[in-house]
PDB file of N, CA and C in Angstrom:
ATOM      1  N   MET A   1       0.522  26.628  -0.399  1.00  0.00           N
ATOM      2  CA  MET A   1       1.472  26.924  -1.435  1.00  0.00           C
ATOM      3  C   MET A   1       2.439  27.991  -0.938  1.00  0.00           C
ATOM      4  N   PHE A   2       3.660  27.871  -1.320  1.00  0.00           N
ATOM      5  CA  PHE A   2       4.676  28.830  -0.900  1.00  0.00           C
ATOM      6  C   PHE A   2       4.573  30.133  -1.682  1.00  0.00           C
ATOM      7  N   LYS A   3       5.113  31.187  -1.090  1.00  0.00           N
ATOM      8  CA  LYS A   3       5.188  32.494  -1.752  1.00  0.00           C
ATOM      9  C   LYS A   3       6.657  32.841  -1.958  1.00  0.00           C
ATOM     10  N   LEU A   4       6.954  33.428  -3.096  1.00  0.00           N
ATOM     11  CA  LEU A   4       8.318  33.850  -3.400  1.00  0.00           C
ATOM     12  C   LEU A   4       8.516  35.291  -2.941  1.00  0.00           C
ATOM     13  N   VAL A   5       9.571  35.494  -2.175  1.00  0.00           N
ATOM     14  CA  VAL A   5       9.878  36.814  -1.628  1.00  0.00           C
ATOM     15  C   VAL A   5      11.162  37.324  -2.269  1.00  0.00           C
ATOM     16  N   LYS A   6      11.118  38.589  -2.701  1.00  0.00           N
ATOM     17  CA  LYS A   6      12.314  39.267  -3.207  1.00  0.00           C
ATOM     18  C   LYS A   6      12.753  40.241  -2.124  1.00  0.00           C
ATOM     19  N   ASP A   7      14.012  40.156  -1.746  1.00  0.00           N
ATOM     20  CA  ASP A   7      14.523  40.987  -0.667  1.00  0.00           C
ATOM     21  C   ASP A   7      15.857  41.595  -1.097  1.00  0.00           C
ATOM     22  N   PHE A   8      16.330  42.543  -0.314  1.00  0.00           N
ATOM     23  CA  PHE A   8      17.595  43.212  -0.589  1.00  0.00           C
ATOM     24  C   PHE A   8      18.440  43.111   0.671  1.00  0.00           C
ATOM     25  N   ASP A   9      19.593  42.447   0.562  1.00  0.00           N
ATOM     26  CA  ASP A   9      20.435  42.231   1.725  1.00  0.00           C
ATOM     27  C   ASP A   9      21.896  42.318   1.299  1.00  0.00           C
ATOM     28  N   SER A  10      22.691  43.035   2.042  1.00  0.00           N
ATOM     29  CA  SER A  10      24.126  43.193   1.755  1.00  0.00           C
ATOM     30  C   SER A  10      24.359  43.675   0.321  1.00  0.00           C
ATOM     31  N   TYR A  11      23.554  44.637  -0.091  1.00  0.00           N
ATOM     32  CA  TYR A  11      23.669  45.273  -1.410  1.00  0.00           C
ATOM     33  C   TYR A  11      23.476  44.313  -2.581  1.00  0.00           C
ATOM     34  N   GLU A  12      22.650  43.305  -2.373  1.00  0.00           N
ATOM     35  CA  GLU A  12      22.295  42.415  -3.474  1.00  0.00           C
ATOM     36  C   GLU A  12      20.879  41.888  -3.287  1.00  0.00           C
ATOM     37  N   PHE A  13      20.233  41.592  -4.402  1.00  0.00           N
ATOM     38  CA  PHE A  13      18.888  41.039  -4.361  1.00  0.00           C
ATOM     39  C   PHE A  13      18.965  39.563  -4.019  1.00  0.00           C
ATOM     40  N   ILE A  14      18.050  39.135  -3.188  1.00  0.00           N
ATOM     41  CA  ILE A  14      17.951  37.711  -2.860  1.00  0.00           C
ATOM     42  C   ILE A  14      16.487  37.295  -2.985  1.00  0.00           C
ATOM     43  N   TYR A  15      16.290  36.028  -3.203  1.00  0.00           N
ATOM     44  CA  TYR A  15      14.953  35.451  -3.300  1.00  0.00           C
ATOM     45  C   TYR A  15      14.891  34.280  -2.335  1.00  0.00           C
ATOM     46  N   TYR A  16      13.736  34.091  -1.733  1.00  0.00           N
ATOM     47  CA  TYR A  16      13.526  32.930  -0.875  1.00  0.00           C
ATOM     48  C   TYR A  16      12.033  32.638  -0.791  1.00  0.00           C
ATOM     49  N   TRP A  17      11.717  31.416  -0.387  1.00  0.00           N
ATOM     50  CA  TRP A  17      10.337  30.961  -0.283  1.00  0.00           C
ATOM     51  C   TRP A  17       9.886  31.021   1.174  1.00  0.00           C
ATOM     52  N   VAL A  18       8.620  31.425   1.383  1.00  0.00           N
ATOM     53  CA  VAL A  18       8.010  31.422   2.705  1.00  0.00           C
ATOM     54  C   VAL A  18       6.716  30.618   2.646  1.00  0.00           C
ATOM     55  N   ASP A  19       6.299  30.081   3.793  1.00  0.00           N
ATOM     56  CA  ASP A  19       5.056  29.315   3.857  1.00  0.00           C
ATOM     57  C   ASP A  19       3.887  30.244   4.223  1.00  0.00           C
ATOM     58  N   GLN A  20       2.739  29.660   4.561  1.00  0.00           N
ATOM     59  CA  GLN A  20       1.536  30.441   4.876  1.00  0.00           C
ATOM     60  C   GLN A  20       1.722  31.326   6.097  1.00  0.00           C
ATOM     61  N   ASN A  21       2.618  30.936   7.012  1.00  0.00           N
ATOM     62  CA  ASN A  21       2.882  31.722   8.224  1.00  0.00           C
ATOM     63  C   ASN A  21       4.013  32.720   8.030  1.00  0.00           C
ATOM     64  N   ASN A  22       4.438  32.890   6.794  1.00  0.00           N
ATOM     65  CA  ASN A  22       5.571  33.759   6.430  1.00  0.00           C
ATOM     66  C   ASN A  22       6.866  33.313   7.090  1.00  0.00           C
ATOM     67  N   SER A  23       6.987  32.028   7.344  1.00  0.00           N
ATOM     68  CA  SER A  23       8.234  31.456   7.848  1.00  0.00           C
ATOM     69  C   SER A  23       9.083  31.040   6.661  1.00  0.00           C
ATOM     70  N   LYS A  24      10.339  31.376   6.714  1.00  0.00           N
ATOM     71  CA  LYS A  24      11.250  31.071   5.611  1.00  0.00           C
ATOM     72  C   LYS A  24      11.476  29.561   5.522  1.00  0.00           C
ATOM     73  N   VAL A  25      11.283  29.001   4.323  1.00  0.00           N
ATOM     74  CA  VAL A  25      11.440  27.560   4.140  1.00  0.00           C
ATOM     75  C   VAL A  25      12.602  27.209   3.203  1.00  0.00           C
ATOM     76  N   SER A  26      13.218  28.202   2.584  1.00  0.00           N
ATOM     77  CA  SER A  26      14.354  27.937   1.692  1.00  0.00           C
ATOM     78  C   SER A  26      15.535  28.795   2.103  1.00  0.00           C
ATOM     79  N   SER A  27      16.651  28.488   1.523  1.00  0.00           N
ATOM     80  CA  SER A  27      17.828  29.337   1.738  1.00  0.00           C
ATOM     81  C   SER A  27      17.726  30.554   0.824  1.00  0.00           C
ATOM     82  N   ASN A  28      18.662  31.484   0.961  1.00  0.00           N
ATOM     83  CA  ASN A  28      18.702  32.639   0.069  1.00  0.00           C
ATOM     84  C   ASN A  28      19.161  32.181  -1.314  1.00  0.00           C
ATOM     85  N   LEU A  29      18.429  32.617  -2.330  1.00  0.00           N
ATOM     86  CA  LEU A  29      18.721  32.226  -3.703  1.00  0.00           C
ATOM     87  C   LEU A  29      19.012  33.478  -4.518  1.00  0.00           C
ATOM     88  N   ALA A  30      19.931  33.377  -5.457  1.00  0.00           N
ATOM     89  CA  ALA A  30      20.406  34.553  -6.179  1.00  0.00           C
ATOM     90  C   ALA A  30      19.480  34.999  -7.309  1.00  0.00           C
ATOM     91  N   THR A  31      18.743  34.076  -7.908  1.00  0.00           N
ATOM     92  CA  THR A  31      17.910  34.426  -9.062  1.00  0.00           C
ATOM     93  C   THR A  31      16.541  33.755  -8.953  1.00  0.00           C
ATOM     94  N   VAL A  32      15.619  34.245  -9.758  1.00  0.00           N
ATOM     95  CA  VAL A  32      14.286  33.640  -9.829  1.00  0.00           C
ATOM     96  C   VAL A  32      14.394  32.219 -10.387  1.00  0.00           C
ATOM     97  N   GLU A  33      15.308  32.003 -11.307  1.00  0.00           N
ATOM     98  CA  GLU A  33      15.498  30.673 -11.893  1.00  0.00           C
ATOM     99  C   GLU A  33      15.943  29.662 -10.831  1.00  0.00           C
ATOM    100  N   LEU A  34      16.831  30.090  -9.939  1.00  0.00           N
ATOM    101  CA  LEU A  34      17.247  29.205  -8.851  1.00  0.00           C
ATOM    102  C   LEU A  34      16.096  28.952  -7.876  1.00  0.00           C
ATOM    103  N   ALA A  35      15.254  29.958  -7.670  1.00  0.00           N
ATOM    104  CA  ALA A  35      14.081  29.788  -6.812  1.00  0.00           C
ATOM    105  C   ALA A  35      13.113  28.778  -7.432  1.00  0.00           C
ATOM    106  N   GLU A  36      12.952  28.847  -8.734  1.00  0.00           N
ATOM    107  CA  GLU A  36      12.091  27.895  -9.432  1.00  0.00           C
ATOM    108  C   GLU A  36      12.649  26.476  -9.314  1.00  0.00           C
ATOM    109  N   GLU A  37      13.942  26.345  -9.486  1.00  0.00           N
ATOM    110  CA  GLU A  37      14.580  25.032  -9.378  1.00  0.00           C
ATOM    111  C   GLU A  37      14.458  24.477  -7.956  1.00  0.00           C
ATOM    112  N   TRP A  38      14.628  25.335  -6.947  1.00  0.00           N
ATOM    113  CA  TRP A  38      14.480  24.893  -5.563  1.00  0.00           C
ATOM    114  C   TRP A  38      13.077  24.358  -5.320  1.00  0.00           C
ATOM    115  N   LEU A  39      12.058  25.067  -5.826  1.00  0.00           N
ATOM    116  CA  LEU A  39      10.674  24.659  -5.635  1.00  0.00           C
ATOM    117  C   LEU A  39      10.393  23.309  -6.289  1.00  0.00           C
ATOM    118  N   ILE A  40      10.917  23.098  -7.472  1.00  0.00           N
ATOM    119  CA  ILE A  40      10.731  21.824  -8.178  1.00  0.00           C
ATOM    120  C   ILE A  40      11.357  20.687  -7.383  1.00  0.00           C
ATOM    121  N   HIS A  41      12.584  20.878  -6.924  1.00  0.00           N
ATOM    122  CA  HIS A  41      13.250  19.833  -6.146  1.00  0.00           C
ATOM    123  C   HIS A  41      12.541  19.590  -4.811  1.00  0.00           C
ATOM    124  N   TYR A  42      12.000  20.633  -4.214  1.00  0.00           N
ATOM    125  CA  TYR A  42      11.251  20.476  -2.969  1.00  0.00           C
ATOM    126  C   TYR A  42      10.031  19.587  -3.193  1.00  0.00           C
ATOM    127  N   HIS A  43       9.254  19.894  -4.231  1.00  0.00           N
ATOM    128  CA  HIS A  43       8.050  19.106  -4.501  1.00  0.00           C
ATOM    129  C   HIS A  43       8.396  17.649  -4.824  1.00  0.00           C
ATOM    130  N   PHE A  44       9.467  17.426  -5.553  1.00  0.00           N
ATOM    131  CA  PHE A  44       9.884  16.066  -5.859  1.00  0.00           C
ATOM    132  C   PHE A  44      10.298  15.328  -4.586  1.00  0.00           C
ATOM    133  N   SER A  45      10.959  16.012  -3.669  1.00  0.00           N
ATOM    134  CA  SER A  45      11.406  15.352  -2.434  1.00  0.00           C
ATOM    135  C   SER A  45      10.236  15.043  -1.503  1.00  0.00           C
ATOM    136  N   GLU A  46       9.145  15.798  -1.596  1.00  0.00           N
ATOM    137  CA  GLU A  46       7.988  15.597  -0.733  1.00  0.00           C
ATOM    138  C   GLU A  46       7.061  14.485  -1.227  1.00  0.00           C
ATOM    139  N   TYR A  47       7.235  14.049  -2.466  1.00  0.00           N
ATOM    140  CA  TYR A  47       6.354  13.019  -3.019  1.00  0.00           C
ATOM    141  C   TYR A  47       6.624  11.688  -2.327  1.00  0.00           C
ATOM    142  N   PRO A  48       5.591  11.070  -1.705  1.00  0.00           N
ATOM    143  CA  PRO A  48       5.832   9.869  -0.903  1.00  0.00           C
ATOM    144  C   PRO A  48       5.996   8.583  -1.710  1.00  0.00           C
ATOM    145  N   GLY A  49       5.449   8.539  -2.908  1.00  0.00           N
ATOM    146  CA  GLY A  49       5.484   7.304  -3.689  1.00  0.00           C
ATOM    147  C   GLY A  49       6.747   7.179  -4.522  1.00  0.00           C
ATOM    148  N   LYS A  50       6.772   6.123  -5.318  1.00  0.00           N
ATOM    149  CA  LYS A  50       7.899   5.917  -6.222  1.00  0.00           C
ATOM    150  C   LYS A  50       7.765   6.868  -7.410  1.00  0.00           C
ATOM    151  N   GLU A  51       8.804   7.594  -7.653  1.00  0.00           N
ATOM    152  CA  GLU A  51       8.776   8.575  -8.737  1.00  0.00           C
ATOM    153  C   GLU A  51       8.972   7.880 -10.075  1.00  0.00           C
ATOM    154  N   ARG A  52       8.031   8.088 -10.981  1.00  0.00           N
ATOM    155  CA  ARG A  52       8.119   7.473 -12.300  1.00  0.00           C
ATOM    156  C   ARG A  52       8.746   8.399 -13.335  1.00  0.00           C
ATOM    157  N   ARG A  53       8.765   9.678 -13.042  1.00  0.00           N
ATOM    158  CA  ARG A  53       9.299  10.634 -14.008  1.00  0.00           C
ATOM    159  C   ARG A  53      10.815  10.561 -14.049  1.00  0.00           C
ATOM    160  N   ARG A  54      11.344  10.732 -15.213  1.00  0.00           N
ATOM    161  CA  ARG A  54      12.798  10.729 -15.370  1.00  0.00           C
ATOM    162  C   ARG A  54      13.376  12.137 -15.397  1.00  0.00           C
ATOM    163  N   SER A  55      12.526  13.111 -15.604  1.00  0.00           N
ATOM    164  CA  SER A  55      12.983  14.486 -15.717  1.00  0.00           C
ATOM    165  C   SER A  55      12.233  15.353 -14.706  1.00  0.00           C
ATOM    166  N   PHE A  56      12.928  16.324 -14.155  1.00  0.00           N
ATOM    167  CA  PHE A  56      12.282  17.286 -13.266  1.00  0.00           C
ATOM    168  C   PHE A  56      11.409  18.250 -14.055  1.00  0.00           C
ATOM    169  N   TYR A  57      11.694  18.432 -15.318  1.00  0.00           N
ATOM    170  CA  TYR A  57      11.036  19.429 -16.147  1.00  0.00           C
ATOM    171  C   TYR A  57      10.162  18.752 -17.193  1.00  0.00           C
ATOM    172  N   ASP A  58       9.117  19.415 -17.613  1.00  0.00           N
ATOM    173  CA  ASP A  58       8.246  18.897 -18.654  1.00  0.00           C
ATOM    174  C   ASP A  58       8.970  19.052 -19.985  1.00  0.00           C
ATOM    175  N   ARG A  59       9.481  17.956 -20.504  1.00  0.00           N
ATOM    176  CA  ARG A  59      10.285  18.025 -21.723  1.00  0.00           C
ATOM    177  C   ARG A  59       9.460  18.392 -22.942  1.00  0.00           C
ATOM    178  N   ARG A  60       8.120  18.285 -22.818  1.00  0.00           N
ATOM    179  CA  ARG A  60       7.267  18.681 -23.939  1.00  0.00           C
ATOM    180  C   ARG A  60       7.168  20.190 -24.046  1.00  0.00           C
ATOM    181  N   TYR A  61       7.473  20.901 -22.957  1.00  0.00           N
ATOM    182  CA  TYR A  61       7.337  22.350 -22.995  1.00  0.00           C
ATOM    183  C   TYR A  61       8.514  22.966 -23.713  1.00  0.00           C
ATOM    184  N   SER A  62       8.219  23.551 -24.813  1.00  0.00           N
ATOM    185  CA  SER A  62       9.214  24.246 -25.613  1.00  0.00           C
ATOM    186  C   SER A  62       8.448  25.198 -26.503  1.00  0.00           C
ATOM    187  N   ALA A  63       9.023  26.316 -26.803  1.00  0.00           N
ATOM    188  CA  ALA A  63       8.348  27.277 -27.670  1.00  0.00           C
ATOM    189  C   ALA A  63       8.055  26.671 -29.035  1.00  0.00           C
ATOM    190  N   ASN A  64       8.891  25.729 -29.455  1.00  0.00           N
ATOM    191  CA  ASN A  64       8.685  25.104 -30.753  1.00  0.00           C
ATOM    192  C   ASN A  64       7.675  23.965 -30.705  1.00  0.00           C
ATOM    193  N   LYS A  65       7.556  23.281 -29.558  1.00  0.00           N
ATOM    194  CA  LYS A  65       6.685  22.117 -29.469  1.00  0.00           C
ATOM    195  C   LYS A  65       5.269  22.466 -29.033  1.00  0.00           C
ATOM    196  N   VAL A  66       5.152  23.295 -28.007  1.00  0.00           N
ATOM    197  CA  VAL A  66       3.835  23.643 -27.483  1.00  0.00           C
ATOM    198  C   VAL A  66       3.645  25.134 -27.642  1.00  0.00           C
ATOM    199  N   LYS A  67       2.669  25.529 -28.421  1.00  0.00           N
ATOM    200  CA  LYS A  67       2.419  26.947 -28.648  1.00  0.00           C
ATOM    201  C   LYS A  67       1.037  27.290 -28.112  1.00  0.00           C
ATOM    202  N   LEU A  68       0.961  27.496 -26.805  1.00  0.00           N
ATOM    203  CA  LEU A  68      -0.314  27.815 -26.176  1.00  0.00           C
ATOM    204  C   LEU A  68      -0.495  29.309 -25.955  1.00  0.00           C
ATOM    205  N   GLN A  69       0.563  30.082 -26.013  1.00  0.00           N
ATOM    206  CA  GLN A  69       0.449  31.504 -25.740  1.00  0.00           C
ATOM    207  C   GLN A  69      -0.349  32.171 -26.858  1.00  0.00           C
ATOM    208  N   GLY A  70      -1.393  32.861 -26.469  1.00  0.00           N
ATOM    209  CA  GLY A  70      -2.233  33.524 -27.447  1.00  0.00           C
ATOM    210  C   GLY A  70      -3.240  32.585 -28.094  1.00  0.00           C
ATOM    211  N   THR A  71      -3.240  31.332 -27.743  1.00  0.00           N
ATOM    212  CA  THR A  71      -4.154  30.353 -28.322  1.00  0.00           C
ATOM    213  C   THR A  71      -4.998  29.763 -27.209  1.00  0.00           C
ATOM    214  N   GLN A  72      -6.300  29.783 -27.387  1.00  0.00           N
ATOM    215  CA  GLN A  72      -7.197  29.197 -26.398  1.00  0.00           C
ATOM    216  C   GLN A  72      -7.626  27.828 -26.892  1.00  0.00           C
ATOM    217  N   ILE A  73      -7.276  26.809 -26.156  1.00  0.00           N
ATOM    218  CA  ILE A  73      -7.693  25.461 -26.496  1.00  0.00           C
ATOM    219  C   ILE A  73      -8.848  25.111 -25.579  1.00  0.00           C
ATOM    220  N   PHE A  74     -10.043  24.989 -26.146  1.00  0.00           N
ATOM    221  CA  PHE A  74     -11.239  24.857 -25.321  1.00  0.00           C
ATOM    222  C   PHE A  74     -11.305  23.560 -24.539  1.00  0.00           C
ATOM    223  N   PHE A  75     -10.642  22.513 -24.984  1.00  0.00           N
ATOM    224  CA  PHE A  75     -10.712  21.239 -24.292  1.00  0.00           C
ATOM    225  C   PHE A  75      -9.560  21.026 -23.323  1.00  0.00           C
ATOM    226  N   SER A  76      -8.636  21.949 -23.263  1.00  0.00           N
ATOM    227  CA  SER A  76      -7.486  21.802 -22.388  1.00  0.00           C
ATOM    228  C   SER A  76      -7.843  22.203 -20.967  1.00  0.00           C
ATOM    229  N   LYS A  77      -7.340  21.464 -19.977  1.00  0.00           N
ATOM    230  CA  LYS A  77      -7.540  21.814 -18.577  1.00  0.00           C
ATOM    231  C   LYS A  77      -6.421  22.697 -18.065  1.00  0.00           C
ATOM    232  N   ARG A  78      -5.493  23.063 -18.917  1.00  0.00           N
ATOM    233  CA  ARG A  78      -4.393  23.925 -18.484  1.00  0.00           C
ATOM    234  C   ARG A  78      -4.902  25.328 -18.202  1.00  0.00           C
ATOM    235  N   LYS A  79      -4.371  25.884 -17.192  1.00  0.00           N
ATOM    236  CA  LYS A  79      -4.711  27.248 -16.838  1.00  0.00           C
ATOM    237  C   LYS A  79      -3.621  28.159 -17.391  1.00  0.00           C
ATOM    238  N   PRO A  80      -3.926  29.410 -17.699  1.00  0.00           N
ATOM    239  CA  PRO A  80      -2.936  30.303 -18.311  1.00  0.00           C
ATOM    240  C   PRO A  80      -1.605  30.441 -17.575  1.00  0.00           C
ATOM    241  N   PRO A  81      -1.568  30.463 -16.208  1.00  0.00           N
ATOM    242  CA  PRO A  81      -0.259  30.616 -15.572  1.00  0.00           C
ATOM    243  C   PRO A  81       0.605  29.350 -15.600  1.00  0.00           C
ATOM    244  N   LEU A  82       0.080  28.246 -16.145  1.00  0.00           N
ATOM    245  CA  LEU A  82       0.870  27.027 -16.221  1.00  0.00           C
ATOM    246  C   LEU A  82       1.588  26.951 -17.548  1.00  0.00           C
ATOM    247  N   LYS A  83       2.780  26.403 -17.525  1.00  0.00           N
ATOM    248  CA  LYS A  83       3.512  26.225 -18.769  1.00  0.00           C
ATOM    249  C   LYS A  83       3.734  24.757 -19.075  1.00  0.00           C
ATOM    250  N   GLY A  84       3.037  23.893 -18.367  1.00  0.00           N
ATOM    251  CA  GLY A  84       3.162  22.463 -18.571  1.00  0.00           C
ATOM    252  C   GLY A  84       2.076  21.734 -17.817  1.00  0.00           C
ATOM    253  N   ARG A  85       2.231  20.439 -17.635  1.00  0.00           N
ATOM    254  CA  ARG A  85       1.199  19.613 -17.023  1.00  0.00           C
ATOM    255  C   ARG A  85       1.283  19.556 -15.508  1.00  0.00           C
ATOM    256  N   ARG A  86       2.428  19.740 -14.944  1.00  0.00           N
ATOM    257  CA  ARG A  86       2.629  19.526 -13.517  1.00  0.00           C
ATOM    258  C   ARG A  86       2.383  20.785 -12.700  1.00  0.00           C
ATOM    259  N   MET A  87       2.120  20.588 -11.419  1.00  0.00           N
ATOM    260  CA  MET A  87       1.925  21.720 -10.519  1.00  0.00           C
ATOM    261  C   MET A  87       3.192  22.576 -10.459  1.00  0.00           C
ATOM    262  N   THR A  88       4.341  21.943 -10.615  1.00  0.00           N
ATOM    263  CA  THR A  88       5.602  22.676 -10.546  1.00  0.00           C
ATOM    264  C   THR A  88       5.914  23.408 -11.840  1.00  0.00           C
ATOM    265  N   ASP A  89       5.077  23.262 -12.843  1.00  0.00           N
ATOM    266  CA  ASP A  89       5.308  23.931 -14.122  1.00  0.00           C
ATOM    267  C   ASP A  89       4.637  25.297 -14.187  1.00  0.00           C
ATOM    268  N   ARG A  90       4.228  25.824 -13.044  1.00  0.00           N
ATOM    269  CA  ARG A  90       3.623  27.151 -13.062  1.00  0.00           C
ATOM    270  C   ARG A  90       4.693  28.216 -13.258  1.00  0.00           C
ATOM    271  N   VAL A  91       4.279  29.340 -13.793  1.00  0.00           N
ATOM    272  CA  VAL A  91       5.201  30.448 -14.000  1.00  0.00           C
ATOM    273  C   VAL A  91       5.512  31.063 -12.638  1.00  0.00           C
ATOM    274  N   ILE A  92       6.791  31.180 -12.323  1.00  0.00           N
ATOM    275  CA  ILE A  92       7.214  31.708 -11.027  1.00  0.00           C
ATOM    276  C   ILE A  92       7.242  33.231 -11.085  1.00  0.00           C
ATOM    277  N   GLU A  93       6.555  33.849 -10.136  1.00  0.00           N
ATOM    278  CA  GLU A  93       6.540  35.305 -10.020  1.00  0.00           C
ATOM    279  C   GLU A  93       6.780  35.680  -8.560  1.00  0.00           C
ATOM    280  N   VAL A  94       7.311  36.861  -8.358  1.00  0.00           N
ATOM    281  CA  VAL A  94       7.547  37.362  -7.005  1.00  0.00           C
ATOM    282  C   VAL A  94       6.200  37.717  -6.385  1.00  0.00           C
ATOM    283  N   ASP A  95       5.924  37.153  -5.214  1.00  0.00           N
ATOM    284  CA  ASP A  95       4.667  37.414  -4.515  1.00  0.00           C
ATOM    285  C   ASP A  95       4.777  38.578  -3.533  1.00  0.00           C
ATOM    286  N   MET A  96       5.933  38.708  -2.884  1.00  0.00           N
ATOM    287  CA  MET A  96       6.162  39.806  -1.941  1.00  0.00           C
ATOM    288  C   MET A  96       7.513  40.434  -2.262  1.00  0.00           C
ATOM    289  N   ASP A  97       7.506  41.748  -2.466  1.00  0.00           N
ATOM    290  CA  ASP A  97       8.746  42.455  -2.781  1.00  0.00           C
ATOM    291  C   ASP A  97       9.122  43.348  -1.602  1.00  0.00           C
ATOM    292  N   LEU A  98      10.065  42.879  -0.796  1.00  0.00           N
ATOM    293  CA  LEU A  98      10.535  43.648   0.361  1.00  0.00           C
ATOM    294  C   LEU A  98      11.710  44.550   0.003  1.00  0.00           C
ATOM    295  N   SER A  99      12.219  44.407  -1.193  1.00  0.00           N
ATOM    296  CA  SER A  99      13.420  45.147  -1.587  1.00  0.00           C
ATOM    297  C   SER A  99      13.145  46.621  -1.832  1.00  0.00           C
ATOM    298  N   LYS A 100      11.947  46.961  -2.262  1.00  0.00           N
ATOM    299  CA  LYS A 100      11.648  48.361  -2.614  1.00  0.00           C
ATOM    300  C   LYS A 100      11.829  49.304  -1.434  1.00  0.00           C
ATOM    301  N   GLU A 101      11.240  48.935  -0.297  1.00  0.00           N
ATOM    302  CA  GLU A 101      11.349  49.836   0.853  1.00  0.00           C
ATOM    303  C   GLU A 101      12.778  49.888   1.395  1.00  0.00           C
ATOM    304  N   LYS A 102      13.527  48.791   1.289  1.00  0.00           N
ATOM    305  CA  LYS A 102      14.918  48.807   1.743  1.00  0.00           C
ATOM    306  C   LYS A 102      15.791  49.672   0.838  1.00  0.00           C
ATOM    307  N   ILE A 103      15.551  49.616  -0.450  1.00  0.00           N
ATOM    308  CA  ILE A 103      16.304  50.464  -1.390  1.00  0.00           C
ATOM    309  C   ILE A 103      15.932  51.917  -1.191  1.00  0.00           C
ATOM    310  N   ASN A 104      14.641  52.202  -0.984  1.00  0.00           N
ATOM    311  CA  ASN A 104      14.230  53.571  -0.736  1.00  0.00           C
ATOM    312  C   ASN A 104      14.833  54.134   0.546  1.00  0.00           C
ATOM    313  N   SER A 105      14.987  53.310   1.573  1.00  0.00           N
ATOM    314  CA  SER A 105      15.617  53.781   2.805  1.00  0.00           C
ATOM    315  C   SER A 105      17.113  54.040   2.598  1.00  0.00           C
ATOM    316  N   LEU A 106      17.752  53.253   1.731  1.00  0.00           N
ATOM    317  CA  LEU A 106      19.157  53.538   1.413  1.00  0.00           C
ATOM    318  C   LEU A 106      19.326  54.822   0.624  1.00  0.00           C
ATOM    319  N   ILE A 107      18.402  55.065  -0.288  1.00  0.00           N
ATOM    320  CA  ILE A 107      18.457  56.290  -1.099  1.00  0.00           C
ATOM    321  C   ILE A 107      18.247  57.501  -0.203  1.00  0.00           C
ATOM    322  N   ALA A 108      17.400  57.375   0.807  1.00  0.00           N
ATOM    323  CA  ALA A 108      17.091  58.498   1.703  1.00  0.00           C
ATOM    324  C   ALA A 108      18.291  58.876   2.577  1.00  0.00           C
ATOM    325  N   LEU A 109      19.252  57.985   2.735  1.00  0.00           N
ATOM    326  CA  LEU A 109      20.416  58.303   3.594  1.00  0.00           C
ATOM    327  C   LEU A 109      21.276  59.325   3.002  1.00  0.00           C
TER     328      LEU A 109
END
């Protein structure tokens, strides 16, 4: 599984995905939302079979339609960090933050 990295370059925050060897696998992305979208499109492109889904996103996931937050459904196989049925529906969080030390070094100048 890829890890999301937050970095600071040319006075702006950037996000990108790295693999298990910490090799960069995506381009620089401006927001976490764009990083999430890149990951979804990556997984869809890697699927070898015929894609039956019409949407990249779980259309059932909506605050009004599915209210799982704060509710434990004992028969559900969903795990708390998921917001839908698919592997790509996990909540995206920054795994490695390289920006802190770069900002601190700029402040020290």
